[in-house]
C-alpha atoms as a PDB file:
ATOM      1  CA  THR A   1     -34.646 -39.723 -16.881  1.00  0.00           C
ATOM      2  CA  ARG A   2     -31.106 -38.467 -17.298  1.00  0.00           C
ATOM      3  CA  ILE A   3     -30.167 -37.454 -20.854  1.00  0.00           C
ATOM      4  CA  VAL A   4     -26.457 -37.826 -21.684  1.00  0.00           C
ATOM      5  CA  GLY A   5     -25.002 -35.637 -24.441  1.00  0.00           C
ATOM      6  CA  ALA A   6     -21.758 -36.247 -26.302  1.00  0.00           C
ATOM      7  CA  GLY A   7     -19.406 -33.467 -25.311  1.00  0.00           C
ATOM      8  CA  ARG A   8     -20.614 -29.931 -24.762  1.00  0.00           C
ATOM      9  CA  THR A   9     -20.657 -26.556 -26.413  1.00  0.00           C
ATOM     10  CA  ASP A  10     -19.579 -23.245 -24.961  1.00  0.00           C
ATOM     11  CA  THR A  11     -22.011 -20.373 -24.445  1.00  0.00           C
ATOM     12  CA  GLY A  12     -23.043 -18.920 -27.792  1.00  0.00           C
ATOM     13  CA  VAL A  13     -21.688 -21.886 -29.739  1.00  0.00           C
ATOM     14  CA  HIS A  14     -24.035 -24.128 -31.691  1.00  0.00           C
ATOM     15  CA  ALA A  15     -23.772 -27.875 -32.121  1.00  0.00           C
ATOM     16  CA  ARG A  16     -24.811 -29.544 -35.328  1.00  0.00           C
ATOM     17  CA  GLY A  17     -25.136 -33.304 -35.154  1.00  0.00           C
ATOM     18  CA  GLN A  18     -25.162 -33.456 -31.354  1.00  0.00           C
ATOM     19  CA  VAL A  19     -25.685 -37.036 -30.134  1.00  0.00           C
ATOM     20  CA  VAL A  20     -27.515 -37.971 -26.933  1.00  0.00           C
ATOM     21  CA  HIS A  21     -28.742 -41.108 -25.231  1.00  0.00           C
ATOM     22  CA  TRP A  22     -30.838 -42.134 -22.274  1.00  0.00           C
ATOM     23  CA  ASP A  23     -31.658 -45.443 -20.684  1.00  0.00           C
ATOM     24  CA  THR A  24     -35.259 -46.479 -20.156  1.00  0.00           C
ATOM     25  CA  GLU A  25     -37.161 -49.547 -19.105  1.00  0.00           C
ATOM     26  CA  LYS A  26     -40.278 -48.342 -20.953  1.00  0.00           C
ATOM     27  CA  GLU A  27     -41.201 -49.635 -24.400  1.00  0.00           C
ATOM     28  CA  ILE A  28     -41.029 -46.746 -26.848  1.00  0.00           C
ATOM     29  CA  GLY A  29     -42.720 -48.440 -29.804  1.00  0.00           C
ATOM     30  CA  ASP A  30     -42.286 -46.815 -33.221  1.00  0.00           C
ATOM     31  CA  ILE A  31     -39.013 -44.884 -32.881  1.00  0.00           C
ATOM     32  CA  ASP A  32     -39.788 -42.536 -35.802  1.00  0.00           C
ATOM     33  CA  GLU A  33     -43.150 -41.605 -34.306  1.00  0.00           C
ATOM     34  CA  PHE A  34     -41.423 -41.069 -30.949  1.00  0.00           C
ATOM     35  CA  ALA A  35     -38.927 -38.649 -32.560  1.00  0.00           C
ATOM     36  CA  LYS A  36     -41.745 -36.811 -34.339  1.00  0.00           C
ATOM     37  CA  ARG A  37     -43.618 -36.341 -31.055  1.00  0.00           C
ATOM     38  CA  LEU A  38     -40.477 -35.128 -29.275  1.00  0.00           C
ATOM     39  CA  ASN A  39     -39.853 -32.588 -32.042  1.00  0.00           C
ATOM     40  CA  SER A  40     -43.352 -31.212 -31.498  1.00  0.00           C
ATOM     41  CA  VAL A  41     -42.465 -30.175 -27.921  1.00  0.00           C
ATOM     42  CA  LEU A  42     -38.815 -29.168 -28.346  1.00  0.00           C
ATOM     43  CA  PRO A  43     -37.789 -25.519 -28.823  1.00  0.00           C
ATOM     44  CA  PRO A  44     -37.616 -24.506 -32.524  1.00  0.00           C
ATOM     45  CA  ASP A  45     -33.804 -24.446 -32.547  1.00  0.00           C
ATOM     46  CA  VAL A  46     -33.520 -28.052 -31.274  1.00  0.00           C
ATOM     47  CA  ARG A  47     -34.562 -30.908 -33.542  1.00  0.00           C
ATOM     48  CA  ILE A  48     -34.184 -34.669 -33.660  1.00  0.00           C
ATOM     49  CA  ALA A  49     -32.870 -35.462 -37.131  1.00  0.00           C
ATOM     50  CA  ARG A  50     -32.573 -39.206 -36.575  1.00  0.00           C
ATOM     51  CA  ALA A  51     -33.441 -41.583 -33.759  1.00  0.00           C
ATOM     52  CA  GLU A  52     -32.504 -45.218 -33.365  1.00  0.00           C
ATOM     53  CA  ARG A  53     -32.299 -47.872 -30.705  1.00  0.00           C
ATOM     54  CA  ALA A  54     -28.789 -48.475 -29.435  1.00  0.00           C
ATOM     55  CA  THR A  55     -27.961 -52.130 -29.900  1.00  0.00           C
ATOM     56  CA  GLU A  56     -24.186 -52.143 -30.238  1.00  0.00           C
ATOM     57  CA  THR A  57     -21.702 -52.164 -27.378  1.00  0.00           C
ATOM     58  CA  THR A  58     -18.440 -50.308 -26.923  1.00  0.00           C
ATOM     59  CA  PHE A  59     -15.375 -50.767 -24.716  1.00  0.00           C
ATOM     60  CA  VAL A  60     -15.116 -47.994 -22.108  1.00  0.00           C
ATOM     61  CA  PRO A  61     -11.418 -47.532 -21.248  1.00  0.00           C
ATOM     62  CA  SER A  62     -12.013 -45.600 -18.016  1.00  0.00           C
ATOM     63  CA  ILE A  63     -13.802 -48.559 -16.428  1.00  0.00           C
ATOM     64  CA  GLN A  64     -12.222 -51.314 -18.541  1.00  0.00           C
ATOM     65  CA  GLU A  65     -15.611 -52.810 -19.438  1.00  0.00           C
ATOM     66  CA  GLU A  66     -17.821 -53.425 -22.442  1.00  0.00           C
ATOM     67  CA  ARG A  67     -20.994 -51.340 -22.141  1.00  0.00           C
ATOM     68  CA  PRO A  68     -24.042 -50.524 -24.283  1.00  0.00           C
ATOM     69  CA  TRP A  69     -23.571 -47.684 -26.762  1.00  0.00           C
ATOM     70  CA  HIS A  70     -22.923 -44.430 -24.889  1.00  0.00           C
ATOM     71  CA  ALA A  71     -23.086 -40.853 -26.222  1.00  0.00           C
ATOM     72  CA  ILE A  72     -19.777 -39.901 -24.570  1.00  0.00           C
ATOM     73  CA  PHE A  73     -17.734 -43.091 -24.465  1.00  0.00           C
ATOM     74  CA  SER A  74     -18.688 -44.286 -27.961  1.00  0.00           C
ATOM     75  CA  ALA A  75     -17.775 -40.985 -29.651  1.00  0.00           C
ATOM     76  CA  LYS A  76     -15.069 -41.267 -32.273  1.00  0.00           C
ATOM     77  CA  GLY A  77     -14.257 -37.560 -32.590  1.00  0.00           C
ATOM     78  CA  LYS A  78     -15.445 -33.982 -32.990  1.00  0.00           C
ATOM     79  CA  LYS A  79     -15.366 -31.626 -35.921  1.00  0.00           C
ATOM     80  CA  TYR A  80     -15.094 -27.865 -35.485  1.00  0.00           C
ATOM     81  CA  SER A  81     -16.079 -25.362 -38.154  1.00  0.00           C
ATOM     82  CA  TYR A  82     -15.304 -21.649 -38.099  1.00  0.00           C
ATOM     83  CA  ARG A  83     -17.042 -19.210 -40.445  1.00  0.00           C
ATOM     84  CA  LEU A  84     -15.432 -15.832 -41.062  1.00  0.00           C
ATOM     85  CA  PHE A  85     -16.556 -12.933 -43.195  1.00  0.00           C
ATOM     86  CA  PHE A  86     -14.233 -10.075 -44.103  1.00  0.00           C
ATOM     87  CA  GLU A  87     -16.205  -6.893 -44.688  1.00  0.00           C
ATOM     88  CA  THR A  88     -15.183  -3.891 -46.776  1.00  0.00           C
ATOM     89  CA  PRO A  89     -16.980  -0.560 -47.315  1.00  0.00           C
ATOM     90  CA  THR A  90     -18.682  -2.079 -50.390  1.00  0.00           C
ATOM     91  CA  ARG A  91     -19.021  -5.709 -49.278  1.00  0.00           C
ATOM     92  CA  PHE A  92     -20.946  -6.580 -46.155  1.00  0.00           C
ATOM     93  CA  MET A  93     -22.420  -9.683 -44.582  1.00  0.00           C
ATOM     94  CA  ASP A  94     -26.053 -10.610 -44.935  1.00  0.00           C
ATOM     95  CA  PRO A  95     -27.629  -9.557 -41.584  1.00  0.00           C
ATOM     96  CA  LEU A  96     -29.388 -12.936 -41.332  1.00  0.00           C
ATOM     97  CA  GLN A  97     -25.971 -14.651 -41.115  1.00  0.00           C
ATOM     98  CA  ARG A  98     -24.750 -12.601 -38.141  1.00  0.00           C
ATOM     99  CA  GLY A  99     -25.741 -15.313 -35.667  1.00  0.00           C
ATOM    100  CA  ASP A 100     -23.442 -17.981 -37.102  1.00  0.00           C
ATOM    101  CA  ARG A 101     -20.509 -16.064 -38.589  1.00  0.00           C
ATOM    102  CA  TYR A 102     -17.744 -13.856 -37.265  1.00  0.00           C
ATOM    103  CA  SER A 103     -17.373 -10.590 -39.124  1.00  0.00           C
ATOM    104  CA  GLU A 104     -14.108  -8.611 -39.259  1.00  0.00           C
ATOM    105  CA  TYR A 105     -14.105  -5.004 -40.441  1.00  0.00           C
ATOM    106  CA  ARG A 106     -10.397  -4.249 -40.125  1.00  0.00           C
ATOM    107  CA  PRO A 107      -7.957  -5.179 -42.895  1.00  0.00           C
ATOM    108  CA  VAL A 108      -6.594  -8.688 -42.359  1.00  0.00           C
ATOM    109  CA  ASP A 109      -3.116  -9.802 -43.390  1.00  0.00           C
ATOM    110  CA  MET A 110      -3.589 -13.339 -44.705  1.00  0.00           C
ATOM    111  CA  ASP A 111       0.147 -13.951 -45.270  1.00  0.00           C
END
């Protein structure tokens, strides 16, 4: 089964709210139970927050056709968030935040 993700992230960049889809002929049954079972085998930093059956369709401009909901073609946009921390000799970042923040030690001119 081919899993299709909406967009991509660069190396070292994290995606929150990443959307994926796949097509299957198999009956999944209870979708919430399915998501729970998938979460039990996914790596700890990947989680399914919500799962639902795709029932709507969307117009795909590149092929000029109406198609079932698609992770790439049905996307309406992306949102980027940048987290900065400006350190001083007496103010430093919590070490547990180092993985998702950029820290600058040099003086920064904000004007």
